[in-house]
Amino acid sequence: MLQAALPTARRILRSNARERECRERAVRLAMEHRDAYRSEAALVTAIASKLGCSPDSLRVWVRQARRGGGERSGQSSAEKARIKALEREVREQRQANEILKKASAYFAPLW
């Protein structure tokens, strides 16, 4: 059963790599040709139609790349990931504190 699933996993990893390469190429193309268009909307629409992807997706990718490069204000992907990890850690710490409070309340009469 595991052998049958292995090629599928490899295919998924390859398709993710292809998608990432396609996304990077689309963003690079948009960045290189942004001076040739009057607006970001015109740029995104023209390039998305040539590449066969959604203009909205390309717009999000370009803005995310600009944020990551420091050209645009906002949180980069790395900052968002770090904040999400810290929020998860805080949530786990609060749960642990609640468990300890309940345990101490339960065992307090025994002392």
PDB file of N, CA and C in Angstrom:
ATOM      1  N   MET A   1       0.820  -1.189   0.000  1.00  0.00           N
ATOM      2  CA  MET A   1       0.000   0.000   0.000  1.00  0.00           C
ATOM      3  C   MET A   1       0.867   1.258   0.000  1.00  0.00           C
ATOM      4  N   LEU A   2       1.931   1.232   0.779  1.00  0.00           N
ATOM      5  CA  LEU A   2       2.827   2.381   0.854  1.00  0.00           C
ATOM      6  C   LEU A   2       3.515   2.617  -0.487  1.00  0.00           C
ATOM      7  N   GLN A   3       3.856   1.549  -1.187  1.00  0.00           N
ATOM      8  CA  GLN A   3       4.520   1.677  -2.476  1.00  0.00           C
ATOM      9  C   GLN A   3       3.621   2.383  -3.492  1.00  0.00           C
ATOM     10  N   ALA A   4       2.334   2.136  -3.414  1.00  0.00           N
ATOM     11  CA  ALA A   4       1.402   2.778  -4.341  1.00  0.00           C
ATOM     12  C   ALA A   4       1.268   4.269  -4.049  1.00  0.00           C
ATOM     13  N   ALA A   5       1.383   4.648  -2.798  1.00  0.00           N
ATOM     14  CA  ALA A   5       1.236   6.055  -2.421  1.00  0.00           C
ATOM     15  C   ALA A   5       2.494   6.865  -2.708  1.00  0.00           C
ATOM     16  N   LEU A   6       3.633   6.205  -2.763  1.00  0.00           N
ATOM     17  CA  LEU A   6       4.908   6.902  -2.944  1.00  0.00           C
ATOM     18  C   LEU A   6       4.984   7.667  -4.258  1.00  0.00           C
ATOM     19  N   PRO A   7       4.640   7.070  -5.407  1.00  0.00           N
ATOM     20  CA  PRO A   7       4.683   7.862  -6.642  1.00  0.00           C
ATOM     21  C   PRO A   7       3.743   9.051  -6.608  1.00  0.00           C
ATOM     22  N   THR A   8       2.603   8.920  -5.953  1.00  0.00           N
ATOM     23  CA  THR A   8       1.665  10.029  -5.839  1.00  0.00           C
ATOM     24  C   THR A   8       2.292  11.174  -5.044  1.00  0.00           C
ATOM     25  N   ALA A   9       2.982  10.848  -3.957  1.00  0.00           N
ATOM     26  CA  ALA A   9       3.642  11.873  -3.151  1.00  0.00           C
ATOM     27  C   ALA A   9       4.724  12.567  -3.962  1.00  0.00           C
ATOM     28  N   ARG A  10       5.457  11.804  -4.736  1.00  0.00           N
ATOM     29  CA  ARG A  10       6.498  12.414  -5.577  1.00  0.00           C
ATOM     30  C   ARG A  10       5.887  13.344  -6.605  1.00  0.00           C
ATOM     31  N   ARG A  11       4.766  12.915  -7.201  1.00  0.00           N
ATOM     32  CA  ARG A  11       4.091  13.756  -8.180  1.00  0.00           C
ATOM     33  C   ARG A  11       3.621  15.060  -7.553  1.00  0.00           C
ATOM     34  N   ILE A  12       3.091  14.981  -6.346  1.00  0.00           N
ATOM     35  CA  ILE A  12       2.621  16.181  -5.649  1.00  0.00           C
ATOM     36  C   ILE A  12       3.778  17.121  -5.378  1.00  0.00           C
ATOM     37  N   LEU A  13       4.909  16.580  -4.915  1.00  0.00           N
ATOM     38  CA  LEU A  13       6.068  17.427  -4.646  1.00  0.00           C
ATOM     39  C   LEU A  13       6.575  18.082  -5.924  1.00  0.00           C
ATOM     40  N   ARG A  14       6.594  17.320  -7.022  1.00  0.00           N
ATOM     41  CA  ARG A  14       7.039  17.898  -8.291  1.00  0.00           C
ATOM     42  C   ARG A  14       6.084  18.975  -8.760  1.00  0.00           C
ATOM     43  N   SER A  15       4.769  18.742  -8.618  1.00  0.00           N
ATOM     44  CA  SER A  15       3.807  19.745  -9.064  1.00  0.00           C
ATOM     45  C   SER A  15       3.913  21.006  -8.205  1.00  0.00           C
ATOM     46  N   ASN A  16       4.167  20.849  -6.899  1.00  0.00           N
ATOM     47  CA  ASN A  16       4.355  22.023  -6.035  1.00  0.00           C
ATOM     48  C   ASN A  16       5.583  22.802  -6.458  1.00  0.00           C
ATOM     49  N   ALA A  17       6.656  22.081  -6.817  1.00  0.00           N
ATOM     50  CA  ALA A  17       7.874  22.764  -7.270  1.00  0.00           C
ATOM     51  C   ALA A  17       7.602  23.499  -8.577  1.00  0.00           C
ATOM     52  N   ARG A  18       6.845  22.871  -9.485  1.00  0.00           N
ATOM     53  CA  ARG A  18       6.506  23.532 -10.753  1.00  0.00           C
ATOM     54  C   ARG A  18       5.643  24.765 -10.513  1.00  0.00           C
ATOM     55  N   GLU A  19       4.683  24.640  -9.621  1.00  0.00           N
ATOM     56  CA  GLU A  19       3.835  25.790  -9.315  1.00  0.00           C
ATOM     57  C   GLU A  19       4.651  26.940  -8.740  1.00  0.00           C
ATOM     58  N   ARG A  20       5.587  26.604  -7.855  1.00  0.00           N
ATOM     59  CA  ARG A  20       6.423  27.633  -7.252  1.00  0.00           C
ATOM     60  C   ARG A  20       7.291  28.304  -8.324  1.00  0.00           C
ATOM     61  N   GLU A  21       7.850  27.508  -9.235  1.00  0.00           N
ATOM     62  CA  GLU A  21       8.672  28.060 -10.313  1.00  0.00           C
ATOM     63  C   GLU A  21       7.835  28.954 -11.222  1.00  0.00           C
ATOM     64  N   CYS A  22       6.635  28.511 -11.538  1.00  0.00           N
ATOM     65  CA  CYS A  22       5.735  29.295 -12.389  1.00  0.00           C
ATOM     66  C   CYS A  22       5.378  30.618 -11.709  1.00  0.00           C
ATOM     67  N   ARG A  23       5.087  30.557 -10.425  1.00  0.00           N
ATOM     68  CA  ARG A  23       4.750  31.764  -9.657  1.00  0.00           C
ATOM     69  C   ARG A  23       5.932  32.732  -9.639  1.00  0.00           C
ATOM     70  N   GLU A  24       7.132  32.208  -9.392  1.00  0.00           N
ATOM     71  CA  GLU A  24       8.327  33.063  -9.359  1.00  0.00           C
ATOM     72  C   GLU A  24       8.586  33.688 -10.723  1.00  0.00           C
ATOM     73  N   ARG A  25       8.382  32.897 -11.791  1.00  0.00           N
ATOM     74  CA  ARG A  25       8.595  33.421 -13.138  1.00  0.00           C
ATOM     75  C   ARG A  25       7.592  34.525 -13.450  1.00  0.00           C
ATOM     76  N   ALA A  26       6.344  34.319 -13.058  1.00  0.00           N
ATOM     77  CA  ALA A  26       5.306  35.320 -13.312  1.00  0.00           C
ATOM     78  C   ALA A  26       5.611  36.621 -12.569  1.00  0.00           C
ATOM     79  N   VAL A  27       6.047  36.504 -11.326  1.00  0.00           N
ATOM     80  CA  VAL A  27       6.376  37.696 -10.538  1.00  0.00           C
ATOM     81  C   VAL A  27       7.579  38.409 -11.138  1.00  0.00           C
ATOM     82  N   ARG A  28       8.584  37.644 -11.513  1.00  0.00           N
ATOM     83  CA  ARG A  28       9.779  38.235 -12.119  1.00  0.00           C
ATOM     84  C   ARG A  28       9.421  38.974 -13.406  1.00  0.00           C
ATOM     85  N   LEU A  29       8.561  38.368 -14.230  1.00  0.00           N
ATOM     86  CA  LEU A  29       8.120  38.997 -15.469  1.00  0.00           C
ATOM     87  C   LEU A  29       7.384  40.301 -15.170  1.00  0.00           C
ATOM     88  N   ALA A  30       6.515  40.279 -14.186  1.00  0.00           N
ATOM     89  CA  ALA A  30       5.755  41.478 -13.826  1.00  0.00           C
ATOM     90  C   ALA A  30       6.682  42.582 -13.320  1.00  0.00           C
ATOM     91  N   MET A  31       7.657  42.215 -12.516  1.00  0.00           N
ATOM     92  CA  MET A  31       8.592  43.216 -11.982  1.00  0.00           C
ATOM     93  C   MET A  31       9.450  43.829 -13.100  1.00  0.00           C
ATOM     94  N   GLU A  32       9.860  42.997 -14.040  1.00  0.00           N
ATOM     95  CA  GLU A  32      10.709  43.489 -15.122  1.00  0.00           C
ATOM     96  C   GLU A  32       9.968  44.425 -16.065  1.00  0.00           C
ATOM     97  N   HIS A  33       8.667  44.203 -16.267  1.00  0.00           N
ATOM     98  CA  HIS A  33       7.914  44.972 -17.254  1.00  0.00           C
ATOM     99  C   HIS A  33       6.952  45.979 -16.653  1.00  0.00           C
ATOM    100  N   ARG A  34       7.092  46.282 -15.371  1.00  0.00           N
ATOM    101  CA  ARG A  34       6.103  47.177 -14.767  1.00  0.00           C
ATOM    102  C   ARG A  34       6.213  48.613 -15.261  1.00  0.00           C
ATOM    103  N   ASP A  35       7.363  49.008 -15.795  1.00  0.00           N
ATOM    104  CA  ASP A  35       7.499  50.367 -16.330  1.00  0.00           C
ATOM    105  C   ASP A  35       6.800  50.528 -17.682  1.00  0.00           C
ATOM    106  N   ALA A  36       6.512  49.421 -18.350  1.00  0.00           N
ATOM    107  CA  ALA A  36       5.890  49.472 -19.675  1.00  0.00           C
ATOM    108  C   ALA A  36       4.370  49.673 -19.607  1.00  0.00           C
ATOM    109  N   TYR A  37       3.792  49.603 -18.426  1.00  0.00           N
ATOM    110  CA  TYR A  37       2.339  49.726 -18.274  1.00  0.00           C
ATOM    111  C   TYR A  37       1.994  50.937 -17.414  1.00  0.00           C
ATOM    112  N   ARG A  38       0.829  51.505 -17.666  1.00  0.00           N
ATOM    113  CA  ARG A  38       0.423  52.711 -16.949  1.00  0.00           C
ATOM    114  C   ARG A  38      -0.003  52.430 -15.525  1.00  0.00           C
ATOM    115  N   SER A  39      -0.551  51.249 -15.267  1.00  0.00           N
ATOM    116  CA  SER A  39      -1.023  50.936 -13.919  1.00  0.00           C
ATOM    117  C   SER A  39      -0.698  49.484 -13.587  1.00  0.00           C
ATOM    118  N   GLU A  40      -0.788  49.188 -12.303  1.00  0.00           N
ATOM    119  CA  GLU A  40      -0.543  47.812 -11.863  1.00  0.00           C
ATOM    120  C   GLU A  40      -1.632  46.884 -12.390  1.00  0.00           C
ATOM    121  N   ALA A  41      -2.846  47.388 -12.484  1.00  0.00           N
ATOM    122  CA  ALA A  41      -3.957  46.567 -12.984  1.00  0.00           C
ATOM    123  C   ALA A  41      -3.729  46.170 -14.437  1.00  0.00           C
ATOM    124  N   ALA A  42      -3.265  47.117 -15.252  1.00  0.00           N
ATOM    125  CA  ALA A  42      -2.997  46.814 -16.657  1.00  0.00           C
ATOM    126  C   ALA A  42      -1.851  45.812 -16.781  1.00  0.00           C
ATOM    127  N   LEU A  43      -0.832  46.000 -15.978  1.00  0.00           N
ATOM    128  CA  LEU A  43       0.315  45.094 -15.971  1.00  0.00           C
ATOM    129  C   LEU A  43      -0.113  43.672 -15.615  1.00  0.00           C
ATOM    130  N   VAL A  44      -0.837  43.550 -14.522  1.00  0.00           N
ATOM    131  CA  VAL A  44      -1.237  42.242 -14.029  1.00  0.00           C
ATOM    132  C   VAL A  44      -2.178  41.551 -15.012  1.00  0.00           C
ATOM    133  N   THR A  45      -3.115  42.293 -15.572  1.00  0.00           N
ATOM    134  CA  THR A  45      -4.064  41.718 -16.517  1.00  0.00           C
ATOM    135  C   THR A  45      -3.362  41.215 -17.768  1.00  0.00           C
ATOM    136  N   ALA A  46      -2.445  41.994 -18.307  1.00  0.00           N
ATOM    137  CA  ALA A  46      -1.740  41.610 -19.534  1.00  0.00           C
ATOM    138  C   ALA A  46      -0.864  40.383 -19.313  1.00  0.00           C
ATOM    139  N   ILE A  47      -0.097  40.385 -18.251  1.00  0.00           N
ATOM    140  CA  ILE A  47       0.822  39.264 -18.007  1.00  0.00           C
ATOM    141  C   ILE A  47       0.056  38.006 -17.620  1.00  0.00           C
ATOM    142  N   ALA A  48      -0.990  38.152 -16.820  1.00  0.00           N
ATOM    143  CA  ALA A  48      -1.782  36.984 -16.415  1.00  0.00           C
ATOM    144  C   ALA A  48      -2.441  36.323 -17.622  1.00  0.00           C
ATOM    145  N   SER A  49      -2.931  37.120 -18.563  1.00  0.00           N
ATOM    146  CA  SER A  49      -3.559  36.530 -19.751  1.00  0.00           C
ATOM    147  C   SER A  49      -2.526  35.798 -20.610  1.00  0.00           C
ATOM    148  N   LYS A  50      -1.310  36.298 -20.662  1.00  0.00           N
ATOM    149  CA  LYS A  50      -0.254  35.622 -21.432  1.00  0.00           C
ATOM    150  C   LYS A  50       0.179  34.317 -20.771  1.00  0.00           C
ATOM    151  N   LEU A  51       0.189  34.290 -19.447  1.00  0.00           N
ATOM    152  CA  LEU A  51       0.646  33.101 -18.721  1.00  0.00           C
ATOM    153  C   LEU A  51      -0.481  32.116 -18.421  1.00  0.00           C
ATOM    154  N   GLY A  52      -1.718  32.578 -18.545  1.00  0.00           N
ATOM    155  CA  GLY A  52      -2.848  31.690 -18.296  1.00  0.00           C
ATOM    156  C   GLY A  52      -3.182  31.510 -16.831  1.00  0.00           C
ATOM    157  N   CYS A  53      -2.913  32.531 -16.028  1.00  0.00           N
ATOM    158  CA  CYS A  53      -3.286  32.456 -14.617  1.00  0.00           C
ATOM    159  C   CYS A  53      -4.267  33.589 -14.309  1.00  0.00           C
ATOM    160  N   SER A  54      -4.787  33.593 -13.127  1.00  0.00           N
ATOM    161  CA  SER A  54      -5.759  34.594 -12.718  1.00  0.00           C
ATOM    162  C   SER A  54      -5.057  35.927 -12.431  1.00  0.00           C
ATOM    163  N   PRO A  55      -5.609  37.034 -12.912  1.00  0.00           N
ATOM    164  CA  PRO A  55      -5.021  38.341 -12.603  1.00  0.00           C
ATOM    165  C   PRO A  55      -4.977  38.632 -11.103  1.00  0.00           C
ATOM    166  N   ASP A  56      -6.003  38.189 -10.383  1.00  0.00           N
ATOM    167  CA  ASP A  56      -6.030  38.423  -8.937  1.00  0.00           C
ATOM    168  C   ASP A  56      -4.906  37.664  -8.241  1.00  0.00           C
ATOM    169  N   SER A  57      -4.655  36.424  -8.670  1.00  0.00           N
ATOM    170  CA  SER A  57      -3.562  35.645  -8.084  1.00  0.00           C
ATOM    171  C   SER A  57      -2.231  36.328  -8.343  1.00  0.00           C
ATOM    172  N   LEU A  58      -2.016  36.753  -9.587  1.00  0.00           N
ATOM    173  CA  LEU A  58      -0.759  37.420  -9.923  1.00  0.00           C
ATOM    174  C   LEU A  58      -0.604  38.712  -9.136  1.00  0.00           C
ATOM    175  N   ARG A  59      -1.689  39.451  -8.948  1.00  0.00           N
ATOM    176  CA  ARG A  59      -1.637  40.701  -8.182  1.00  0.00           C
ATOM    177  C   ARG A  59      -1.195  40.416  -6.737  1.00  0.00           C
ATOM    178  N   VAL A  60      -1.741  39.366  -6.137  1.00  0.00           N
ATOM    179  CA  VAL A  60      -1.372  38.995  -4.772  1.00  0.00           C
ATOM    180  C   VAL A  60       0.095  38.581  -4.717  1.00  0.00           C
ATOM    181  N   TRP A  61       0.548  37.790  -5.682  1.00  0.00           N
ATOM    182  CA  TRP A  61       1.943  37.336  -5.697  1.00  0.00           C
ATOM    183  C   TRP A  61       2.902  38.512  -5.837  1.00  0.00           C
ATOM    184  N   VAL A  62       2.559  39.460  -6.710  1.00  0.00           N
ATOM    185  CA  VAL A  62       3.434  40.621  -6.924  1.00  0.00           C
ATOM    186  C   VAL A  62       3.497  41.469  -5.660  1.00  0.00           C
ATOM    187  N   ARG A  63       2.357  41.710  -5.048  1.00  0.00           N
ATOM    188  CA  ARG A  63       2.346  42.522  -3.823  1.00  0.00           C
ATOM    189  C   ARG A  63       3.114  41.831  -2.702  1.00  0.00           C
ATOM    190  N   GLN A  64       2.970  40.513  -2.615  1.00  0.00           N
ATOM    191  CA  GLN A  64       3.699  39.758  -1.596  1.00  0.00           C
ATOM    192  C   GLN A  64       5.205  39.839  -1.845  1.00  0.00           C
ATOM    193  N   ALA A  65       5.613  39.738  -3.100  1.00  0.00           N
ATOM    194  CA  ALA A  65       7.046  39.836  -3.432  1.00  0.00           C
ATOM    195  C   ALA A  65       7.572  41.236  -3.121  1.00  0.00           C
ATOM    196  N   ARG A  66       6.773  42.254  -3.391  1.00  0.00           N
ATOM    197  CA  ARG A  66       7.197  43.623  -3.097  1.00  0.00           C
ATOM    198  C   ARG A  66       7.306  43.857  -1.599  1.00  0.00           C
ATOM    199  N   ARG A  67       6.392  43.258  -0.820  1.00  0.00           N
ATOM    200  CA  ARG A  67       6.484  43.368   0.639  1.00  0.00           C
ATOM    201  C   ARG A  67       7.732  42.657   1.150  1.00  0.00           C
ATOM    202  N   GLY A  68       7.988  41.471   0.615  1.00  0.00           N
ATOM    203  CA  GLY A  68       9.155  40.705   1.028  1.00  0.00           C
ATOM    204  C   GLY A  68      10.464  41.402   0.674  1.00  0.00           C
ATOM    205  N   GLY A  69      10.453  42.151  -0.434  1.00  0.00           N
ATOM    206  CA  GLY A  69      11.636  42.881  -0.864  1.00  0.00           C
ATOM    207  C   GLY A  69      11.776  44.244  -0.219  1.00  0.00           C
ATOM    208  N   GLY A  70      10.807  44.649   0.586  1.00  0.00           N
ATOM    209  CA  GLY A  70      10.878  45.932   1.270  1.00  0.00           C
ATOM    210  C   GLY A  70      10.381  47.100   0.448  1.00  0.00           C
ATOM    211  N   GLU A  71       9.858  46.857  -0.751  1.00  0.00           N
ATOM    212  CA  GLU A  71       9.359  47.940  -1.589  1.00  0.00           C
ATOM    213  C   GLU A  71       7.985  48.425  -1.135  1.00  0.00           C
ATOM    214  N   ARG A  72       7.265  47.594  -0.432  1.00  0.00           N
ATOM    215  CA  ARG A  72       5.902  47.914  -0.027  1.00  0.00           C
ATOM    216  C   ARG A  72       5.775  47.685   1.469  1.00  0.00           C
ATOM    217  N   SER A  73       4.995  48.533   2.136  1.00  0.00           N
ATOM    218  CA  SER A  73       4.843  48.378   3.571  1.00  0.00           C
ATOM    219  C   SER A  73       3.962  47.174   3.877  1.00  0.00           C
ATOM    220  N   GLY A  74       4.138  46.630   5.050  1.00  0.00           N
ATOM    221  CA  GLY A  74       3.358  45.471   5.467  1.00  0.00           C
ATOM    222  C   GLY A  74       4.273  44.356   5.926  1.00  0.00           C
ATOM    223  N   GLN A  75       3.672  43.285   6.378  1.00  0.00           N
ATOM    224  CA  GLN A  75       4.444  42.162   6.897  1.00  0.00           C
ATOM    225  C   GLN A  75       4.859  41.236   5.763  1.00  0.00           C
ATOM    226  N   SER A  76       6.105  40.801   5.803  1.00  0.00           N
ATOM    227  CA  SER A  76       6.567  39.831   4.825  1.00  0.00           C
ATOM    228  C   SER A  76       6.061  38.448   5.227  1.00  0.00           C
ATOM    229  N   SER A  77       6.232  37.496   4.348  1.00  0.00           N
ATOM    230  CA  SER A  77       5.785  36.123   4.641  1.00  0.00           C
ATOM    231  C   SER A  77       6.525  35.551   5.840  1.00  0.00           C
ATOM    232  N   ALA A  78       7.815  35.860   5.948  1.00  0.00           N
ATOM    233  CA  ALA A  78       8.607  35.356   7.074  1.00  0.00           C
ATOM    234  C   ALA A  78       8.097  35.936   8.398  1.00  0.00           C
ATOM    235  N   GLU A  79       7.764  37.223   8.387  1.00  0.00           N
ATOM    236  CA  GLU A  79       7.238  37.848   9.602  1.00  0.00           C
ATOM    237  C   GLU A  79       5.886  37.255   9.987  1.00  0.00           C
ATOM    238  N   LYS A  80       5.040  37.005   8.989  1.00  0.00           N
ATOM    239  CA  LYS A  80       3.733  36.408   9.264  1.00  0.00           C
ATOM    240  C   LYS A  80       3.893  35.014   9.858  1.00  0.00           C
ATOM    241  N   ALA A  81       4.825  34.243   9.307  1.00  0.00           N
ATOM    242  CA  ALA A  81       5.056  32.884   9.818  1.00  0.00           C
ATOM    243  C   ALA A  81       5.571  32.933  11.249  1.00  0.00           C
ATOM    244  N   ARG A  82       6.458  33.873  11.540  1.00  0.00           N
ATOM    245  CA  ARG A  82       6.998  34.003  12.896  1.00  0.00           C
ATOM    246  C   ARG A  82       5.899  34.397  13.887  1.00  0.00           C
ATOM    247  N   ILE A  83       5.062  35.338  13.514  1.00  0.00           N
ATOM    248  CA  ILE A  83       3.964  35.761  14.385  1.00  0.00           C
ATOM    249  C   ILE A  83       3.005  34.602  14.634  1.00  0.00           C
ATOM    250  N   LYS A  84       2.711  33.844  13.588  1.00  0.00           N
ATOM    251  CA  LYS A  84       1.812  32.699  13.742  1.00  0.00           C
ATOM    252  C   LYS A  84       2.406  31.661  14.693  1.00  0.00           C
ATOM    253  N   ALA A  85       3.710  31.408  14.579  1.00  0.00           N
ATOM    254  CA  ALA A  85       4.369  30.450  15.476  1.00  0.00           C
ATOM    255  C   ALA A  85       4.352  30.951  16.918  1.00  0.00           C
ATOM    256  N   LEU A  86       4.602  32.230  17.115  1.00  0.00           N
ATOM    257  CA  LEU A  86       4.584  32.796  18.464  1.00  0.00           C
ATOM    258  C   LEU A  86       3.184  32.762  19.067  1.00  0.00           C
ATOM    259  N   GLU A  87       2.167  33.043  18.254  1.00  0.00           N
ATOM    260  CA  GLU A  87       0.789  32.972  18.748  1.00  0.00           C
ATOM    261  C   GLU A  87       0.431  31.550  19.157  1.00  0.00           C
ATOM    262  N   ARG A  88       0.896  30.562  18.377  1.00  0.00           N
ATOM    263  CA  ARG A  88       0.652  29.162  18.725  1.00  0.00           C
ATOM    264  C   ARG A  88       1.326  28.816  20.041  1.00  0.00           C
ATOM    265  N   GLU A  89       2.559  29.294  20.222  1.00  0.00           N
ATOM    266  CA  GLU A  89       3.297  29.030  21.456  1.00  0.00           C
ATOM    267  C   GLU A  89       2.590  29.655  22.660  1.00  0.00           C
ATOM    268  N   VAL A  90       2.104  30.870  22.515  1.00  0.00           N
ATOM    269  CA  VAL A  90       1.381  31.540  23.599  1.00  0.00           C
ATOM    270  C   VAL A  90       0.114  30.761  23.949  1.00  0.00           C
ATOM    271  N   ARG A  91      -0.601  30.305  22.920  1.00  0.00           N
ATOM    272  CA  ARG A  91      -1.827  29.532  23.158  1.00  0.00           C
ATOM    273  C   ARG A  91      -1.514  28.242  23.918  1.00  0.00           C
ATOM    274  N   GLU A  92      -0.433  27.557  23.545  1.00  0.00           N
ATOM    275  CA  GLU A  92      -0.040  26.323  24.235  1.00  0.00           C
ATOM    276  C   GLU A  92       0.364  26.603  25.680  1.00  0.00           C
ATOM    277  N   GLN A  93       1.067  27.710  25.914  1.00  0.00           N
ATOM    278  CA  GLN A  93       1.471  28.075  27.268  1.00  0.00           C
ATOM    279  C   GLN A  93       0.247  28.381  28.137  1.00  0.00           C
ATOM    280  N   ARG A  94      -0.728  29.051  27.567  1.00  0.00           N
ATOM    281  CA  ARG A  94      -1.946  29.355  28.324  1.00  0.00           C
ATOM    282  C   ARG A  94      -2.707  28.081  28.674  1.00  0.00           C
ATOM    283  N   GLN A  95      -2.750  27.146  27.739  1.00  0.00           N
ATOM    284  CA  GLN A  95      -3.413  25.867  28.021  1.00  0.00           C
ATOM    285  C   GLN A  95      -2.682  25.120  29.136  1.00  0.00           C
ATOM    286  N   ALA A  96      -1.361  25.127  29.083  1.00  0.00           N
ATOM    287  CA  ALA A  96      -0.577  24.461  30.126  1.00  0.00           C
ATOM    288  C   ALA A  96      -0.808  25.121  31.479  1.00  0.00           C
ATOM    289  N   ASN A  97      -0.877  26.447  31.512  1.00  0.00           N
ATOM    290  CA  ASN A  97      -1.149  27.160  32.767  1.00  0.00           C
ATOM    291  C   ASN A  97      -2.519  26.808  33.324  1.00  0.00           C
ATOM    292  N   GLU A  98      -3.518  26.705  32.454  1.00  0.00           N
ATOM    293  CA  GLU A  98      -4.859  26.333  32.901  1.00  0.00           C
ATOM    294  C   GLU A  98      -4.856  24.934  33.511  1.00  0.00           C
ATOM    295  N   ILE A  99      -4.155  24.015  32.890  1.00  0.00           N
ATOM    296  CA  ILE A  99      -4.064  22.649  33.408  1.00  0.00           C
ATOM    297  C   ILE A  99      -3.390  22.652  34.773  1.00  0.00           C
ATOM    298  N   LEU A 100      -2.311  23.409  34.906  1.00  0.00           N
ATOM    299  CA  LEU A 100      -1.607  23.480  36.186  1.00  0.00           C
ATOM    300  C   LEU A 100      -2.473  24.111  37.281  1.00  0.00           C
ATOM    301  N   LYS A 101      -3.255  25.142  36.931  1.00  0.00           N
ATOM    302  CA  LYS A 101      -4.151  25.763  37.908  1.00  0.00           C
ATOM    303  C   LYS A 101      -5.185  24.764  38.405  1.00  0.00           C
ATOM    304  N   LYS A 102      -5.756  24.024  37.475  1.00  0.00           N
ATOM    305  CA  LYS A 102      -6.771  23.035  37.846  1.00  0.00           C
ATOM    306  C   LYS A 102      -6.160  21.916  38.685  1.00  0.00           C
ATOM    307  N   ALA A 103      -4.951  21.498  38.329  1.00  0.00           N
ATOM    308  CA  ALA A 103      -4.286  20.439  39.090  1.00  0.00           C
ATOM    309  C   ALA A 103      -3.955  20.923  40.498  1.00  0.00           C
ATOM    310  N   SER A 104      -3.481  22.155  40.620  1.00  0.00           N
ATOM    311  CA  SER A 104      -3.151  22.666  41.950  1.00  0.00           C
ATOM    312  C   SER A 104      -4.416  22.833  42.799  1.00  0.00           C
ATOM    313  N   ALA A 105      -5.516  23.228  42.196  1.00  0.00           N
ATOM    314  CA  ALA A 105      -6.777  23.350  42.930  1.00  0.00           C
ATOM    315  C   ALA A 105      -7.276  21.976  43.366  1.00  0.00           C
ATOM    316  N   TYR A 106      -7.051  20.974  42.546  1.00  0.00           N
ATOM    317  CA  TYR A 106      -7.492  19.622  42.873  1.00  0.00           C
ATOM    318  C   TYR A 106      -6.664  19.021  44.006  1.00  0.00           C
ATOM    319  N   PHE A 107      -5.336  19.247  43.939  1.00  0.00           N
ATOM    320  CA  PHE A 107      -4.446  18.646  44.931  1.00  0.00           C
ATOM    321  C   PHE A 107      -4.265  19.512  46.178  1.00  0.00           C
ATOM    322  N   ALA A 108      -4.729  20.750  46.200  1.00  0.00           N
ATOM    323  CA  ALA A 108      -4.550  21.639  47.356  1.00  0.00           C
ATOM    324  C   ALA A 108      -5.167  21.082  48.631  1.00  0.00           C
ATOM    325  N   PRO A 109      -6.359  20.534  48.613  1.00  0.00           N
ATOM    326  CA  PRO A 109      -6.931  19.996  49.847  1.00  0.00           C
ATOM    327  C   PRO A 109      -6.145  18.801  50.421  1.00  0.00           C
ATOM    328  N   LEU A 110      -5.397  18.120  49.589  1.00  0.00           N
ATOM    329  CA  LEU A 110      -4.645  16.952  50.030  1.00  0.00           C
ATOM    330  C   LEU A 110      -3.412  17.317  50.868  1.00  0.00           C
ATOM    331  N   TRP A 111      -2.954  18.545  50.753  1.00  0.00           N
ATOM    332  CA  TRP A 111      -1.744  18.948  51.478  1.00  0.00           C
ATOM    333  C   TRP A 111      -2.137  19.294  52.854  1.00  0.00           C
TER     334      TRP A 111
END
